[in-house]
Amino acid sequence: QVQLVESGGGLVQPGGSLRLSCTASGIIFSINNMGWYRQAPGAERDLVALITTDARTNYANSVKGRFTISRDNAKNTVYLQMNSLKPEDTAVYYCNMGNYYWGQGTQVTVSS
């Protein structure tokens, strides 16, 4: 059974930082592209960042220069380092594997 478990969300003030983690089990992690998506209330789920099996990355324009995606294949984990957070980054963040499997989501709230 494939499981993706996210952690690291929470409440942070504007300008602050958070690091999200997503750990996979039940599947060979290293052969899958990994992505982070987010969904704000009333909005669609959008791609935030993607990292391929050979560590190439791609980011949504809204987070370029502020967010960094990385992966540790030895730990079956993908990370999303989020800096200079803005209120508009508030959303539920989801981990995705291979454009198929999803985690349960973790809430990120940016507010003073």
C-alpha atoms as a PDB file:
ATOM      1  CA  GLN A   1       0.000   0.000   0.000  1.00  0.00           C
ATOM      2  CA  VAL A   2       1.430   3.343  -1.078  1.00  0.00           C
ATOM      3  CA  GLN A   3       1.391   6.093   1.520  1.00  0.00           C
ATOM      4  CA  LEU A   4       2.552   9.696   1.336  1.00  0.00           C
ATOM      5  CA  VAL A   5       2.682  11.461   4.687  1.00  0.00           C
ATOM      6  CA  GLU A   6       3.190  15.227   4.820  1.00  0.00           C
ATOM      7  CA  SER A   7       4.335  17.226   7.811  1.00  0.00           C
ATOM      8  CA  GLY A   8       5.658  20.667   8.650  1.00  0.00           C
ATOM      9  CA  GLY A   9       2.654  22.879   8.061  1.00  0.00           C
ATOM     10  CA  GLY A  10       1.442  25.467  10.528  1.00  0.00           C
ATOM     11  CA  LEU A  11       0.837  29.130  11.238  1.00  0.00           C
ATOM     12  CA  VAL A  12       3.584  31.598  10.353  1.00  0.00           C
ATOM     13  CA  GLN A  13       3.809  35.366  10.090  1.00  0.00           C
ATOM     14  CA  PRO A  14       4.356  37.080   6.754  1.00  0.00           C
ATOM     15  CA  GLY A  15       8.029  36.963   5.844  1.00  0.00           C
ATOM     16  CA  GLY A  16       8.568  33.785   7.814  1.00  0.00           C
ATOM     17  CA  SER A  17       9.669  30.331   6.726  1.00  0.00           C
ATOM     18  CA  LEU A  18       8.420  26.770   6.886  1.00  0.00           C
ATOM     19  CA  ARG A  19       9.768  23.463   5.622  1.00  0.00           C
ATOM     20  CA  LEU A  20       7.335  20.802   4.495  1.00  0.00           C
ATOM     21  CA  SER A  21       8.282  17.140   4.325  1.00  0.00           C
ATOM     22  CA  CYS A  22       6.634  14.249   2.539  1.00  0.00           C
ATOM     23  CA  THR A  23       7.748  10.696   3.231  1.00  0.00           C
ATOM     24  CA  ALA A  24       6.707   7.848   0.968  1.00  0.00           C
ATOM     25  CA  SER A  25       6.283   4.181   1.744  1.00  0.00           C
ATOM     26  CA  GLY A  26       5.151   1.150  -0.168  1.00  0.00           C
ATOM     27  CA  ILE A  27       6.743   2.206  -3.444  1.00  0.00           C
ATOM     28  CA  ILE A  28      10.166   2.739  -4.985  1.00  0.00           C
ATOM     29  CA  PHE A  29      10.643   6.434  -4.322  1.00  0.00           C
ATOM     30  CA  SER A  30      13.689   7.119  -6.461  1.00  0.00           C
ATOM     31  CA  ILE A  31      12.059   6.290  -9.791  1.00  0.00           C
ATOM     32  CA  ASN A  32       9.197   8.738  -9.404  1.00  0.00           C
ATOM     33  CA  ASN A  33       8.891  12.425 -10.062  1.00  0.00           C
ATOM     34  CA  MET A  34       7.642  14.279  -6.997  1.00  0.00           C
ATOM     35  CA  GLY A  35       5.578  17.417  -6.716  1.00  0.00           C
ATOM     36  CA  TRP A  36       4.025  19.818  -4.273  1.00  0.00           C
ATOM     37  CA  TYR A  37       0.613  21.272  -4.996  1.00  0.00           C
ATOM     38  CA  ARG A  38      -1.573  23.637  -3.042  1.00  0.00           C
ATOM     39  CA  GLN A  39      -5.256  24.415  -2.829  1.00  0.00           C
ATOM     40  CA  ALA A  40      -6.731  27.519  -1.274  1.00  0.00           C
ATOM     41  CA  PRO A  41     -10.405  27.655  -0.250  1.00  0.00           C
ATOM     42  CA  GLY A  42     -12.633  27.918  -3.284  1.00  0.00           C
ATOM     43  CA  ALA A  43      -9.729  27.497  -5.681  1.00  0.00           C
ATOM     44  CA  GLU A  44      -8.340  24.705  -7.812  1.00  0.00           C
ATOM     45  CA  ARG A  45      -5.358  22.607  -6.795  1.00  0.00           C
ATOM     46  CA  ASP A  46      -2.284  24.081  -8.480  1.00  0.00           C
ATOM     47  CA  LEU A  47       1.262  22.901  -8.967  1.00  0.00           C
ATOM     48  CA  VAL A  48       3.778  24.679  -6.727  1.00  0.00           C
ATOM     49  CA  ALA A  49       7.003  22.811  -7.472  1.00  0.00           C
ATOM     50  CA  LEU A  50       8.185  19.670  -9.199  1.00  0.00           C
ATOM     51  CA  ILE A  51      11.376  17.639  -8.938  1.00  0.00           C
ATOM     52  CA  THR A  52      12.250  14.879 -11.373  1.00  0.00           C
ATOM     53  CA  THR A  53      14.097  11.634 -10.744  1.00  0.00           C
ATOM     54  CA  ASP A  54      17.348  13.334 -11.809  1.00  0.00           C
ATOM     55  CA  ALA A  55      16.662  16.356  -9.566  1.00  0.00           C
ATOM     56  CA  ARG A  56      15.593  18.836 -12.219  1.00  0.00           C
ATOM     57  CA  THR A  57      13.164  21.335 -10.736  1.00  0.00           C
ATOM     58  CA  ASN A  58      10.303  23.504 -11.916  1.00  0.00           C
ATOM     59  CA  TYR A  59       8.361  26.143 -10.000  1.00  0.00           C
ATOM     60  CA  ALA A  60       5.190  28.127 -10.300  1.00  0.00           C
ATOM     61  CA  ASN A  61       5.973  31.743 -11.130  1.00  0.00           C
ATOM     62  CA  SER A  62       4.385  32.880  -7.884  1.00  0.00           C
ATOM     63  CA  VAL A  63       6.954  31.020  -5.752  1.00  0.00           C
ATOM     64  CA  LYS A  64      10.149  31.294  -7.820  1.00  0.00           C
ATOM     65  CA  GLY A  65      13.015  32.611  -5.750  1.00  0.00           C
ATOM     66  CA  ARG A  66      11.177  31.924  -2.479  1.00  0.00           C
ATOM     67  CA  PHE A  67      10.498  28.173  -2.440  1.00  0.00           C
ATOM     68  CA  THR A  68      12.935  25.322  -2.972  1.00  0.00           C
ATOM     69  CA  ILE A  69      12.028  21.705  -3.620  1.00  0.00           C
ATOM     70  CA  SER A  70      14.517  18.939  -2.889  1.00  0.00           C
ATOM     71  CA  ARG A  71      14.558  15.202  -2.408  1.00  0.00           C
ATOM     72  CA  ASP A  72      16.467  12.643  -0.373  1.00  0.00           C
ATOM     73  CA  ASN A  73      16.084   9.262  -2.021  1.00  0.00           C
ATOM     74  CA  ALA A  74      17.788   7.502   0.888  1.00  0.00           C
ATOM     75  CA  LYS A  75      15.005   8.757   3.171  1.00  0.00           C
ATOM     76  CA  ASN A  76      12.165   8.435   0.630  1.00  0.00           C
ATOM     77  CA  THR A  77      11.411  12.067   1.358  1.00  0.00           C
ATOM     78  CA  VAL A  78      10.736  15.213  -0.622  1.00  0.00           C
ATOM     79  CA  TYR A  79      10.971  18.660   0.962  1.00  0.00           C
ATOM     80  CA  LEU A  80       9.593  22.098   0.227  1.00  0.00           C
ATOM     81  CA  GLN A  81      11.518  24.938   1.850  1.00  0.00           C
ATOM     82  CA  MET A  82       9.299  28.008   1.866  1.00  0.00           C
ATOM     83  CA  ASN A  83      10.849  31.400   2.618  1.00  0.00           C
ATOM     84  CA  SER A  84       9.493  34.952   2.538  1.00  0.00           C
ATOM     85  CA  LEU A  85       5.990  33.611   2.977  1.00  0.00           C
ATOM     86  CA  LYS A  86       3.046  35.789   2.001  1.00  0.00           C
ATOM     87  CA  PRO A  87      -0.617  35.656   3.053  1.00  0.00           C
ATOM     88  CA  GLU A  88      -1.477  34.488  -0.455  1.00  0.00           C
ATOM     89  CA  ASP A  89       0.600  31.343   0.168  1.00  0.00           C
ATOM     90  CA  THR A  90      -2.073  30.212   2.624  1.00  0.00           C
ATOM     91  CA  ALA A  91      -3.453  26.868   1.437  1.00  0.00           C
ATOM     92  CA  VAL A  92      -3.491  23.152   2.027  1.00  0.00           C
ATOM     93  CA  TYR A  93      -0.273  21.748   0.563  1.00  0.00           C
ATOM     94  CA  TYR A  94      -0.310  18.296  -0.975  1.00  0.00           C
ATOM     95  CA  CYS A  95       2.503  15.984  -1.908  1.00  0.00           C
ATOM     96  CA  ASN A  96       2.210  14.100  -5.196  1.00  0.00           C
ATOM     97  CA  MET A  97       4.125  11.137  -6.571  1.00  0.00           C
ATOM     98  CA  GLY A  98       4.245  10.275 -10.213  1.00  0.00           C
ATOM     99  CA  ASN A  99       1.226  12.436 -10.934  1.00  0.00           C
ATOM    100  CA  TYR A 100      -0.824   9.657  -9.402  1.00  0.00           C
ATOM    101  CA  TYR A 101      -0.508   9.238  -5.629  1.00  0.00           C
ATOM    102  CA  TRP A 102      -1.477  11.991  -3.168  1.00  0.00           C
ATOM    103  CA  GLY A 103      -0.799  12.718   0.458  1.00  0.00           C
ATOM    104  CA  GLN A 104      -3.484  13.858   2.887  1.00  0.00           C
ATOM    105  CA  GLY A 105      -2.364  17.488   2.848  1.00  0.00           C
ATOM    106  CA  THR A 106      -0.941  19.859   5.422  1.00  0.00           C
ATOM    107  CA  GLN A 107      -2.316  23.306   6.220  1.00  0.00           C
ATOM    108  CA  VAL A 108      -0.094  26.343   5.810  1.00  0.00           C
ATOM    109  CA  THR A 109      -1.460  29.624   7.126  1.00  0.00           C
ATOM    110  CA  VAL A 110       0.422  32.879   6.689  1.00  0.00           C
ATOM    111  CA  SER A 111      -1.046  35.582   8.871  1.00  0.00           C
ATOM    112  CA  SER A 112      -0.069  38.234  11.370  1.00  0.00           C
END
